N, C-alpha and C. Protein backbone atom coordinates (compact mmCIF):
# COMPACT_ATOMS: atom_id res chain seq x y z
N MET A 1 -2.63 -13.23 -25.32
CA MET A 1 -3.85 -12.72 -24.60
C MET A 1 -4.29 -11.11 -25.43
N SER A 2 -5.58 -11.20 -25.80
CA SER A 2 -5.88 -10.05 -26.46
C SER A 2 -5.95 -8.69 -25.57
N ARG A 3 -5.95 -7.92 -25.91
CA ARG A 3 -6.27 -6.40 -25.37
C ARG A 3 -7.71 -6.28 -24.73
N HIS A 4 -8.41 -6.98 -25.30
CA HIS A 4 -9.78 -6.77 -24.88
C HIS A 4 -9.93 -7.69 -23.34
N SER A 5 -9.27 -8.70 -23.66
CA SER A 5 -9.34 -10.06 -22.70
C SER A 5 -8.42 -9.29 -21.41
N HIS A 6 -7.74 -8.53 -21.56
CA HIS A 6 -6.64 -7.99 -20.70
C HIS A 6 -7.54 -6.86 -19.70
N HIS A 7 -8.24 -6.15 -20.74
CA HIS A 7 -9.15 -5.07 -20.00
C HIS A 7 -10.06 -5.64 -19.40
N ARG A 8 -10.95 -6.71 -19.77
CA ARG A 8 -11.95 -7.36 -18.83
C ARG A 8 -11.27 -7.78 -17.62
N ARG A 9 -10.10 -8.55 -17.64
CA ARG A 9 -9.77 -8.83 -16.36
C ARG A 9 -9.44 -7.82 -15.30
N LEU A 10 -8.83 -6.70 -15.84
CA LEU A 10 -8.52 -5.52 -15.18
C LEU A 10 -9.84 -4.96 -14.40
N ILE A 11 -10.73 -5.03 -15.16
CA ILE A 11 -12.21 -4.56 -14.72
C ILE A 11 -12.75 -5.24 -13.56
N ALA A 12 -13.01 -6.53 -13.98
CA ALA A 12 -13.20 -7.72 -12.77
C ALA A 12 -12.29 -7.46 -11.64
N ALA A 13 -11.14 -7.41 -11.70
CA ALA A 13 -10.49 -7.13 -10.43
C ALA A 13 -10.56 -5.92 -9.76
N ALA A 14 -10.77 -4.86 -10.31
CA ALA A 14 -10.98 -3.80 -9.76
C ALA A 14 -12.58 -3.68 -9.04
N ALA A 15 -13.51 -4.50 -9.90
CA ALA A 15 -14.58 -4.74 -9.19
C ALA A 15 -14.83 -5.58 -8.13
N THR A 16 -13.93 -6.52 -7.84
CA THR A 16 -13.76 -7.37 -6.94
C THR A 16 -13.32 -6.66 -5.56
N VAL A 17 -12.45 -5.85 -5.88
CA VAL A 17 -11.68 -5.05 -4.84
C VAL A 17 -12.67 -3.94 -4.02
N ALA A 18 -13.58 -3.34 -5.19
CA ALA A 18 -14.39 -2.40 -4.60
C ALA A 18 -15.50 -3.00 -3.72
N ALA A 19 -16.09 -4.46 -4.25
CA ALA A 19 -16.93 -4.86 -3.57
C ALA A 19 -16.43 -5.56 -2.30
N LEU A 20 -15.18 -5.83 -2.27
CA LEU A 20 -14.81 -6.53 -0.91
C LEU A 20 -14.49 -5.46 0.29
N THR A 21 -13.93 -4.12 -0.37
CA THR A 21 -13.85 -2.84 0.32
C THR A 21 -15.34 -2.37 0.90
N VAL A 22 -16.37 -2.43 0.12
CA VAL A 22 -17.63 -1.96 0.76
C VAL A 22 -18.32 -3.02 1.60
N ALA A 23 -18.11 -4.20 1.55
CA ALA A 23 -18.46 -5.39 2.33
C ALA A 23 -17.59 -5.71 3.58
N ALA A 24 -16.65 -5.01 3.91
CA ALA A 24 -15.84 -5.29 4.88
C ALA A 24 -16.55 -4.35 6.24
N PRO A 25 -16.64 -5.36 7.29
CA PRO A 25 -17.31 -5.06 8.39
C PRO A 25 -16.59 -3.80 9.26
N THR A 26 -17.34 -2.90 9.91
CA THR A 26 -16.61 -1.85 10.64
C THR A 26 -16.29 -2.40 11.74
N ALA A 27 -15.05 -1.56 12.51
CA ALA A 27 -14.70 -2.15 13.65
C ALA A 27 -15.61 -1.33 14.91
N SER A 28 -15.70 -2.02 16.03
CA SER A 28 -16.42 -1.36 17.21
C SER A 28 -15.65 -1.94 18.32
N ALA A 29 -15.38 -0.96 19.23
CA ALA A 29 -14.68 -1.30 20.46
C ALA A 29 -15.23 -0.91 21.68
N ARG A 30 -15.15 -1.75 22.58
CA ARG A 30 -15.59 -1.64 23.86
C ARG A 30 -14.84 -2.34 24.97
N PRO A 31 -14.61 -1.91 25.99
CA PRO A 31 -13.50 -2.40 26.99
C PRO A 31 -14.18 -3.82 27.38
N ILE A 32 -13.52 -4.78 27.55
CA ILE A 32 -13.84 -6.00 27.89
C ILE A 32 -13.70 -6.19 29.61
N ASP A 33 -12.86 -5.44 30.19
CA ASP A 33 -12.46 -5.72 31.53
C ASP A 33 -13.03 -4.62 32.61
N SER A 34 -13.90 -3.72 32.16
CA SER A 34 -14.34 -2.72 33.09
C SER A 34 -16.25 -2.73 32.74
N ASP A 35 -16.80 -1.95 33.39
CA ASP A 35 -18.23 -1.60 33.27
C ASP A 35 -18.29 -0.48 32.22
N PHE A 36 -19.07 -0.66 31.21
CA PHE A 36 -19.56 0.26 30.08
C PHE A 36 -19.84 1.73 30.56
N TYR A 37 -20.60 1.78 31.59
CA TYR A 37 -20.92 3.11 32.01
C TYR A 37 -20.07 3.83 32.95
N GLN A 38 -19.00 3.13 33.32
CA GLN A 38 -17.96 3.89 34.29
C GLN A 38 -17.06 4.87 33.63
N ALA A 39 -16.73 5.61 34.41
CA ALA A 39 -15.95 7.00 33.86
C ALA A 39 -14.58 6.46 33.64
N PRO A 40 -14.22 6.79 32.39
CA PRO A 40 -12.66 6.42 32.26
C PRO A 40 -11.55 6.97 32.87
N GLN A 41 -10.41 6.31 33.30
CA GLN A 41 -9.46 6.63 34.14
C GLN A 41 -8.28 7.35 33.44
N PRO A 42 -8.08 8.38 33.75
CA PRO A 42 -6.86 9.07 32.85
C PRO A 42 -5.77 8.50 32.71
N ALA A 43 -5.25 8.45 31.38
CA ALA A 43 -4.21 7.53 31.02
C ALA A 43 -2.85 8.00 31.54
N ARG A 44 -1.92 7.01 31.75
CA ARG A 44 -0.60 7.49 32.36
C ARG A 44 0.37 7.91 31.22
N VAL A 45 0.95 9.09 31.57
CA VAL A 45 2.11 9.76 30.42
C VAL A 45 3.37 9.41 30.73
N THR A 46 4.20 8.94 29.88
CA THR A 46 5.41 8.54 29.74
C THR A 46 6.23 9.60 29.19
N VAL A 47 7.24 10.30 29.55
CA VAL A 47 7.93 11.37 28.81
C VAL A 47 9.15 10.54 28.52
N VAL A 48 9.34 10.58 27.25
CA VAL A 48 10.74 10.04 26.67
C VAL A 48 11.51 11.08 25.95
N ARG A 49 12.82 11.39 26.41
CA ARG A 49 13.53 12.23 25.69
C ARG A 49 14.71 11.55 24.83
N ALA A 50 14.62 12.32 23.70
CA ALA A 50 15.47 11.90 22.35
C ALA A 50 16.73 12.76 22.58
N PRO A 51 17.85 12.16 22.11
CA PRO A 51 19.03 12.88 22.02
C PRO A 51 19.02 13.96 20.88
N ALA A 52 19.78 15.07 21.27
CA ALA A 52 19.79 15.91 20.06
C ALA A 52 20.35 15.68 18.75
N GLU A 53 19.67 16.31 17.95
CA GLU A 53 20.12 15.56 16.38
C GLU A 53 21.80 16.17 15.99
N GLN A 54 22.46 15.52 15.50
CA GLN A 54 23.81 15.85 15.19
C GLN A 54 23.97 15.85 13.67
N GLY A 55 22.63 16.26 12.98
CA GLY A 55 23.01 16.37 11.54
C GLY A 55 22.29 15.60 10.64
N LEU A 56 22.75 15.18 9.41
CA LEU A 56 21.91 14.13 8.59
C LEU A 56 22.64 12.96 9.02
N ASN A 57 21.65 11.85 9.05
CA ASN A 57 21.70 10.33 9.56
C ASN A 57 21.93 9.74 8.03
N TRP A 58 23.02 9.58 7.57
CA TRP A 58 23.39 8.99 6.28
C TRP A 58 22.91 7.55 6.12
N ARG A 59 22.95 7.17 7.50
CA ARG A 59 22.48 5.33 7.11
C ARG A 59 20.86 5.38 6.97
N ASP A 60 19.96 6.46 7.27
CA ASP A 60 18.53 6.29 7.25
C ASP A 60 18.40 7.17 5.75
N ALA A 61 19.25 7.89 5.31
CA ALA A 61 18.94 8.46 3.96
C ALA A 61 19.14 7.29 3.04
N GLY A 62 20.50 6.46 3.17
CA GLY A 62 20.46 5.33 2.30
C GLY A 62 19.62 4.61 2.17
N LEU A 63 18.89 3.99 3.41
CA LEU A 63 17.92 3.18 3.48
C LEU A 63 16.57 3.80 2.72
N GLY A 64 16.37 4.97 2.89
CA GLY A 64 15.22 5.63 1.99
C GLY A 64 15.50 5.55 0.69
N ALA A 65 16.86 5.82 0.05
CA ALA A 65 17.12 5.91 -1.18
C ALA A 65 16.95 4.28 -1.97
N ALA A 66 17.51 3.40 -1.07
CA ALA A 66 17.18 2.14 -1.60
C ALA A 66 15.90 1.62 -1.53
N GLY A 67 15.20 2.05 -0.49
CA GLY A 67 13.80 1.81 -0.74
C GLY A 67 12.96 2.15 -1.93
N MET A 68 13.40 3.54 -2.25
CA MET A 68 12.66 4.31 -3.20
C MET A 68 13.13 3.77 -4.69
N LEU A 69 14.28 3.26 -4.87
CA LEU A 69 14.66 2.61 -5.84
C LEU A 69 14.26 1.15 -6.18
N ALA A 70 13.87 0.45 -4.96
CA ALA A 70 13.37 -0.68 -4.91
C ALA A 70 11.71 -0.57 -5.57
N LEU A 71 11.34 0.54 -5.00
CA LEU A 71 9.80 0.96 -5.69
C LEU A 71 9.73 0.94 -7.22
N VAL A 72 10.77 1.94 -7.53
CA VAL A 72 10.60 2.37 -8.91
C VAL A 72 11.07 1.04 -9.65
N LEU A 73 11.96 0.47 -9.44
CA LEU A 73 12.25 -0.97 -10.17
C LEU A 73 11.05 -1.95 -10.10
N VAL A 74 10.27 -2.03 -9.05
CA VAL A 74 9.18 -2.99 -9.16
C VAL A 74 7.93 -2.18 -10.16
N GLY A 75 7.74 -0.90 -10.06
CA GLY A 75 6.79 -0.21 -10.80
C GLY A 75 7.26 -0.22 -12.47
N VAL A 76 8.54 -0.26 -12.73
CA VAL A 76 8.99 -0.20 -13.93
C VAL A 76 8.81 -1.95 -14.75
N GLY A 77 9.14 -2.88 -13.72
CA GLY A 77 9.08 -4.17 -14.10
C GLY A 77 7.58 -4.55 -14.23
N GLY A 78 6.56 -4.02 -13.37
CA GLY A 78 5.27 -4.26 -13.72
C GLY A 78 4.81 -3.49 -15.04
N ALA A 79 5.14 -2.44 -15.22
CA ALA A 79 4.79 -1.82 -16.50
C ALA A 79 5.34 -2.76 -17.85
N GLN A 80 6.57 -3.15 -17.74
CA GLN A 80 6.95 -4.03 -18.76
C GLN A 80 6.19 -5.30 -18.78
N ALA A 81 6.07 -5.78 -17.73
CA ALA A 81 5.15 -7.04 -17.80
C ALA A 81 3.93 -7.11 -18.55
N LEU A 82 3.27 -5.64 -18.20
CA LEU A 82 1.88 -5.40 -18.72
C LEU A 82 1.95 -4.94 -20.12
N GLY A 83 2.99 -4.58 -20.53
CA GLY A 83 3.28 -4.27 -21.95
C GLY A 83 2.97 -2.58 -22.23
N ALA A 84 3.14 -2.18 -21.01
CA ALA A 84 2.70 -0.50 -21.01
C ALA A 84 4.06 0.30 -20.96
N GLY A 85 5.41 -0.36 -21.45
CA GLY A 85 6.56 0.34 -21.46
C GLY A 85 6.64 1.21 -22.58
N PRO A 86 7.44 2.05 -22.62
CA PRO A 86 7.53 3.17 -24.07
C PRO A 86 8.01 2.41 -25.14
N GLY A 87 7.36 2.67 -26.17
CA GLY A 87 7.82 1.95 -27.51
C GLY A 87 7.90 0.60 -27.52
N HIS A 88 6.97 0.10 -26.44
CA HIS A 88 6.89 -1.63 -26.51
C HIS A 88 5.56 -1.78 -27.33
N ARG A 89 5.52 -2.82 -28.46
CA ARG A 89 4.54 -3.10 -29.21
C ARG A 89 4.49 -4.22 -28.91
N ARG A 90 3.16 -5.02 -28.83
CA ARG A 90 3.09 -6.62 -28.62
C ARG A 90 2.78 -6.87 -30.25
N PRO A 91 3.30 -8.13 -30.66
CA PRO A 91 3.21 -8.49 -31.94
C PRO A 91 1.50 -9.02 -32.22
N SER A 92 1.02 -8.74 -33.16
CA SER A 92 -0.58 -8.87 -33.22
C SER A 92 -0.56 -10.24 -34.19
N ALA A 93 -1.35 -10.93 -34.10
CA ALA A 93 -1.64 -12.01 -35.08
C ALA A 93 -2.59 -11.66 -35.92
N HIS A 94 -2.32 -11.69 -37.24
CA HIS A 94 -3.06 -11.54 -38.62
C HIS A 94 -3.70 -12.85 -39.11
N SER A 95 -5.06 -12.68 -39.15
CA SER A 95 -5.54 -14.04 -39.83
C SER A 95 -5.99 -13.64 -41.37
């Protein structure tokens, strides 16, 4: 695939995403089980008490580090697949 062809596909994909974003309908919310003009009732409040912190949670830190490593590997893999890696040149056909 030539570089020009890849560039066109990228522009077409970006234009499609932009068009779908603009064409997306906006949300409107109305209560379906009460009269529209009736005054709203106050919401019930639930108090939740969390236990005191006991320092760094290593399990959560490990999960965050693993998630970040996965994102970095996906990004590097995507860059390699697109040929954007450092020092990577695609062979060009000479006619």
